[in-house]
Amino acid sequence: MATIDWSAFLKGRFKDATGIDSKVRFPAGRDIKIEGDIDNVRIWLSREAVTANMQGDSAAFEAWALVLKSWCGVKNVAIDWESPPPP
């Protein structure tokens, strides 16, 4: 499966729809990874992101899944994560 630069793709789709050259982007870093193609995307979360405040970029996986489906036209989004340690 070839992966897409999703932030660049989103910026392009946003500019095409609005005419605005925005700094909109997906989060990047060790806590979240977005990989895949237009048919299937996998959002992977680290154990830290799984237990983080969901208002933070890395933990807001539902919002990123909606953005992928609505703005980027992705067909399927799968969520995967590292299990956090037991409480």
N, C-alpha and C. Protein backbone atom coordinates (compact mmCIF):
# COMPACT_ATOMS: atom_id res chain seq x y z
N MET A 1 0.85 -1.18 0.00
CA MET A 1 0.00 0.00 0.00
C MET A 1 0.90 1.24 0.00
N ALA A 2 0.74 2.08 -1.00
CA ALA A 2 1.48 3.34 -1.05
C ALA A 2 0.83 4.31 -0.08
N THR A 3 1.63 5.08 0.60
CA THR A 3 1.06 6.06 1.53
C THR A 3 1.14 7.45 0.92
N ILE A 4 0.24 8.28 1.31
CA ILE A 4 0.11 9.64 0.79
C ILE A 4 0.61 10.61 1.85
N ASP A 5 1.16 11.74 1.43
CA ASP A 5 1.47 12.83 2.36
C ASP A 5 0.13 13.50 2.67
N TRP A 6 -0.50 13.06 3.73
CA TRP A 6 -1.87 13.48 4.01
C TRP A 6 -1.99 14.97 4.32
N SER A 7 -0.99 15.57 4.96
CA SER A 7 -1.06 17.01 5.23
C SER A 7 -1.05 17.81 3.93
N ALA A 8 -0.18 17.44 3.00
CA ALA A 8 -0.13 18.13 1.71
C ALA A 8 -1.43 17.91 0.93
N PHE A 9 -1.94 16.70 0.99
CA PHE A 9 -3.20 16.38 0.30
C PHE A 9 -4.34 17.22 0.87
N LEU A 10 -4.43 17.30 2.21
CA LEU A 10 -5.48 18.09 2.86
C LEU A 10 -5.35 19.57 2.49
N LYS A 11 -4.14 20.11 2.51
CA LYS A 11 -3.94 21.51 2.14
C LYS A 11 -4.44 21.77 0.73
N GLY A 12 -4.12 20.86 -0.19
CA GLY A 12 -4.57 21.01 -1.57
C GLY A 12 -6.09 20.97 -1.69
N ARG A 13 -6.72 20.03 -1.00
CA ARG A 13 -8.18 19.91 -1.06
C ARG A 13 -8.84 21.15 -0.44
N PHE A 14 -8.28 21.65 0.68
CA PHE A 14 -8.82 22.83 1.34
C PHE A 14 -8.70 24.05 0.42
N LYS A 15 -7.54 24.21 -0.21
CA LYS A 15 -7.35 25.35 -1.11
C LYS A 15 -8.28 25.27 -2.32
N ASP A 16 -8.44 24.07 -2.88
CA ASP A 16 -9.36 23.90 -4.02
C ASP A 16 -10.79 24.27 -3.64
N ALA A 17 -11.21 23.92 -2.43
CA ALA A 17 -12.59 24.16 -2.01
C ALA A 17 -12.85 25.59 -1.57
N THR A 18 -11.84 26.24 -0.96
CA THR A 18 -12.07 27.56 -0.35
C THR A 18 -11.32 28.69 -1.03
N GLY A 19 -10.27 28.36 -1.78
CA GLY A 19 -9.41 29.39 -2.36
C GLY A 19 -8.41 29.96 -1.36
N ILE A 20 -8.39 29.40 -0.16
CA ILE A 20 -7.51 29.89 0.90
C ILE A 20 -6.31 28.96 1.03
N ASP A 21 -5.11 29.55 1.06
CA ASP A 21 -3.88 28.77 1.26
C ASP A 21 -3.64 28.69 2.77
N SER A 22 -4.22 27.68 3.39
CA SER A 22 -4.21 27.55 4.85
C SER A 22 -3.01 26.74 5.34
N LYS A 23 -2.71 26.89 6.61
CA LYS A 23 -1.67 26.09 7.26
C LYS A 23 -2.26 24.82 7.88
N VAL A 24 -3.47 24.46 7.48
CA VAL A 24 -4.12 23.26 8.01
C VAL A 24 -3.22 22.04 7.76
N ARG A 25 -3.15 21.16 8.78
CA ARG A 25 -2.30 19.98 8.65
C ARG A 25 -2.74 18.93 9.66
N PHE A 26 -2.36 17.70 9.38
CA PHE A 26 -2.56 16.63 10.34
C PHE A 26 -1.42 16.67 11.35
N PRO A 27 -1.65 16.16 12.56
CA PRO A 27 -0.56 16.13 13.53
C PRO A 27 0.54 15.18 13.08
N ALA A 28 1.74 15.48 13.49
CA ALA A 28 2.89 14.62 13.17
C ALA A 28 3.66 14.38 14.46
N GLY A 29 4.39 13.31 14.50
CA GLY A 29 5.19 13.02 15.67
C GLY A 29 5.12 11.56 16.05
N ARG A 30 5.65 11.27 17.21
CA ARG A 30 5.74 9.87 17.62
C ARG A 30 4.44 9.33 18.20
N ASP A 31 3.48 10.20 18.53
CA ASP A 31 2.26 9.75 19.18
C ASP A 31 1.13 9.37 18.21
N ILE A 32 1.23 9.80 16.96
CA ILE A 32 0.19 9.48 15.97
C ILE A 32 0.84 9.33 14.60
N LYS A 33 0.36 8.34 13.86
CA LYS A 33 0.81 8.14 12.49
C LYS A 33 -0.42 7.91 11.62
N ILE A 34 -0.45 8.57 10.48
CA ILE A 34 -1.54 8.41 9.53
C ILE A 34 -0.93 7.88 8.25
N GLU A 35 -1.31 6.66 7.87
CA GLU A 35 -0.70 5.98 6.74
C GLU A 35 -1.77 5.36 5.86
N GLY A 36 -1.48 5.27 4.57
CA GLY A 36 -2.38 4.56 3.68
C GLY A 36 -2.64 5.31 2.40
N ASP A 37 -3.64 4.83 1.68
CA ASP A 37 -4.01 5.42 0.40
C ASP A 37 -5.47 5.85 0.46
N ILE A 38 -6.00 6.32 -0.66
CA ILE A 38 -7.35 6.87 -0.70
C ILE A 38 -8.42 5.84 -0.33
N ASP A 39 -8.11 4.55 -0.51
CA ASP A 39 -9.08 3.51 -0.17
C ASP A 39 -9.04 3.13 1.31
N ASN A 40 -7.85 3.03 1.88
CA ASN A 40 -7.70 2.55 3.26
C ASN A 40 -6.61 3.33 3.99
N VAL A 41 -6.99 3.94 5.09
CA VAL A 41 -6.04 4.67 5.93
C VAL A 41 -6.04 4.05 7.32
N ARG A 42 -4.87 4.01 7.91
CA ARG A 42 -4.71 3.52 9.28
C ARG A 42 -4.21 4.68 10.13
N ILE A 43 -4.93 4.98 11.20
CA ILE A 43 -4.48 5.95 12.20
C ILE A 43 -3.95 5.14 13.37
N TRP A 44 -2.68 5.30 13.66
CA TRP A 44 -2.04 4.58 14.77
C TRP A 44 -1.75 5.56 15.89
N LEU A 45 -2.08 5.17 17.13
CA LEU A 45 -1.86 6.01 18.31
C LEU A 45 -0.92 5.31 19.28
N SER A 46 0.01 6.08 19.84
CA SER A 46 0.89 5.55 20.88
C SER A 46 0.09 5.37 22.17
N ARG A 47 0.65 4.66 23.12
CA ARG A 47 -0.04 4.48 24.41
C ARG A 47 -0.23 5.83 25.11
N GLU A 48 0.69 6.77 24.89
CA GLU A 48 0.54 8.11 25.49
C GLU A 48 -0.66 8.83 24.88
N ALA A 49 -0.84 8.72 23.57
CA ALA A 49 -1.98 9.37 22.92
C ALA A 49 -3.30 8.74 23.34
N VAL A 50 -3.29 7.43 23.57
CA VAL A 50 -4.52 6.73 23.98
C VAL A 50 -5.04 7.26 25.30
N THR A 51 -4.15 7.64 26.20
CA THR A 51 -4.56 8.11 27.52
C THR A 51 -4.51 9.63 27.67
N ALA A 52 -4.19 10.34 26.59
CA ALA A 52 -4.07 11.81 26.64
C ALA A 52 -5.44 12.48 26.54
N ASN A 53 -5.47 13.76 26.84
CA ASN A 53 -6.66 14.58 26.69
C ASN A 53 -7.07 14.56 25.22
N MET A 54 -8.32 14.20 24.95
CA MET A 54 -8.76 14.06 23.56
C MET A 54 -8.91 15.39 22.84
N GLN A 55 -8.71 16.50 23.54
CA GLN A 55 -8.72 17.80 22.88
C GLN A 55 -7.37 18.13 22.26
N GLY A 56 -6.35 17.33 22.56
CA GLY A 56 -5.03 17.52 21.96
C GLY A 56 -4.97 16.88 20.59
N ASP A 57 -4.10 17.39 19.73
CA ASP A 57 -4.00 16.91 18.35
C ASP A 57 -3.79 15.41 18.25
N SER A 58 -2.86 14.87 19.01
CA SER A 58 -2.51 13.46 18.86
C SER A 58 -3.61 12.52 19.32
N ALA A 59 -4.45 12.95 20.24
CA ALA A 59 -5.48 12.07 20.78
C ALA A 59 -6.84 12.24 20.10
N ALA A 60 -6.99 13.22 19.26
CA ALA A 60 -8.29 13.52 18.64
C ALA A 60 -8.53 12.68 17.39
N PHE A 61 -8.41 11.36 17.53
CA PHE A 61 -8.46 10.49 16.36
C PHE A 61 -9.81 10.52 15.65
N GLU A 62 -10.92 10.73 16.38
CA GLU A 62 -12.23 10.80 15.71
C GLU A 62 -12.29 11.98 14.76
N ALA A 63 -11.76 13.11 15.19
CA ALA A 63 -11.75 14.30 14.33
C ALA A 63 -10.91 14.06 13.09
N TRP A 64 -9.74 13.44 13.27
CA TRP A 64 -8.88 13.18 12.10
C TRP A 64 -9.52 12.18 11.16
N ALA A 65 -10.23 11.20 11.69
CA ALA A 65 -10.94 10.24 10.84
C ALA A 65 -12.02 10.94 10.03
N LEU A 66 -12.75 11.86 10.66
CA LEU A 66 -13.78 12.62 9.93
C LEU A 66 -13.16 13.51 8.86
N VAL A 67 -12.04 14.14 9.16
CA VAL A 67 -11.36 14.98 8.17
C VAL A 67 -10.91 14.13 6.99
N LEU A 68 -10.34 12.96 7.27
CA LEU A 68 -9.90 12.07 6.19
C LEU A 68 -11.06 11.67 5.29
N LYS A 69 -12.21 11.37 5.88
CA LYS A 69 -13.35 10.93 5.09
C LYS A 69 -14.04 12.10 4.38
N SER A 70 -14.23 13.22 5.06
CA SER A 70 -14.99 14.31 4.45
C SER A 70 -14.15 15.20 3.53
N TRP A 71 -12.97 15.61 3.96
CA TRP A 71 -12.15 16.51 3.15
C TRP A 71 -11.26 15.78 2.15
N CYS A 72 -10.76 14.60 2.53
CA CYS A 72 -9.80 13.89 1.68
C CYS A 72 -10.43 12.78 0.86
N GLY A 73 -11.69 12.43 1.13
CA GLY A 73 -12.37 11.41 0.34
C GLY A 73 -11.92 9.98 0.60
N VAL A 74 -11.34 9.73 1.75
CA VAL A 74 -10.88 8.38 2.09
C VAL A 74 -12.11 7.48 2.30
N LYS A 75 -12.03 6.25 1.80
CA LYS A 75 -13.16 5.33 1.91
C LYS A 75 -13.24 4.64 3.26
N ASN A 76 -12.12 4.14 3.77
CA ASN A 76 -12.10 3.38 5.03
C ASN A 76 -10.99 3.89 5.94
N VAL A 77 -11.33 4.07 7.21
CA VAL A 77 -10.34 4.48 8.20
C VAL A 77 -10.33 3.44 9.32
N ALA A 78 -9.15 2.91 9.61
CA ALA A 78 -8.98 1.97 10.72
C ALA A 78 -8.17 2.66 11.81
N ILE A 79 -8.54 2.38 13.05
CA ILE A 79 -7.83 2.94 14.20
C ILE A 79 -7.06 1.80 14.87
N ASP A 80 -5.80 2.04 15.15
CA ASP A 80 -4.95 1.05 15.81
C ASP A 80 -4.17 1.77 16.91
N TRP A 81 -3.83 1.07 17.98
CA TRP A 81 -3.13 1.72 19.08
C TRP A 81 -2.30 0.73 19.88
N GLU A 82 -1.37 1.31 20.63
CA GLU A 82 -0.62 0.54 21.62
C GLU A 82 -1.46 0.49 22.89
N SER A 83 -1.51 -0.66 23.50
CA SER A 83 -2.27 -0.77 24.75
C SER A 83 -1.56 0.00 25.85
N PRO A 84 -2.32 0.83 26.59
CA PRO A 84 -1.70 1.53 27.71
C PRO A 84 -1.44 0.55 28.85
N PRO A 85 -0.54 0.92 29.76
CA PRO A 85 -0.29 0.04 30.91
C PRO A 85 -1.54 -0.05 31.78
N PRO A 86 -1.69 -1.15 32.51
CA PRO A 86 -2.85 -1.27 33.40
C PRO A 86 -2.83 -0.17 34.46
N PRO A 87 -4.02 0.26 34.87
CA PRO A 87 -4.08 1.34 35.88
C PRO A 87 -3.52 0.91 37.22
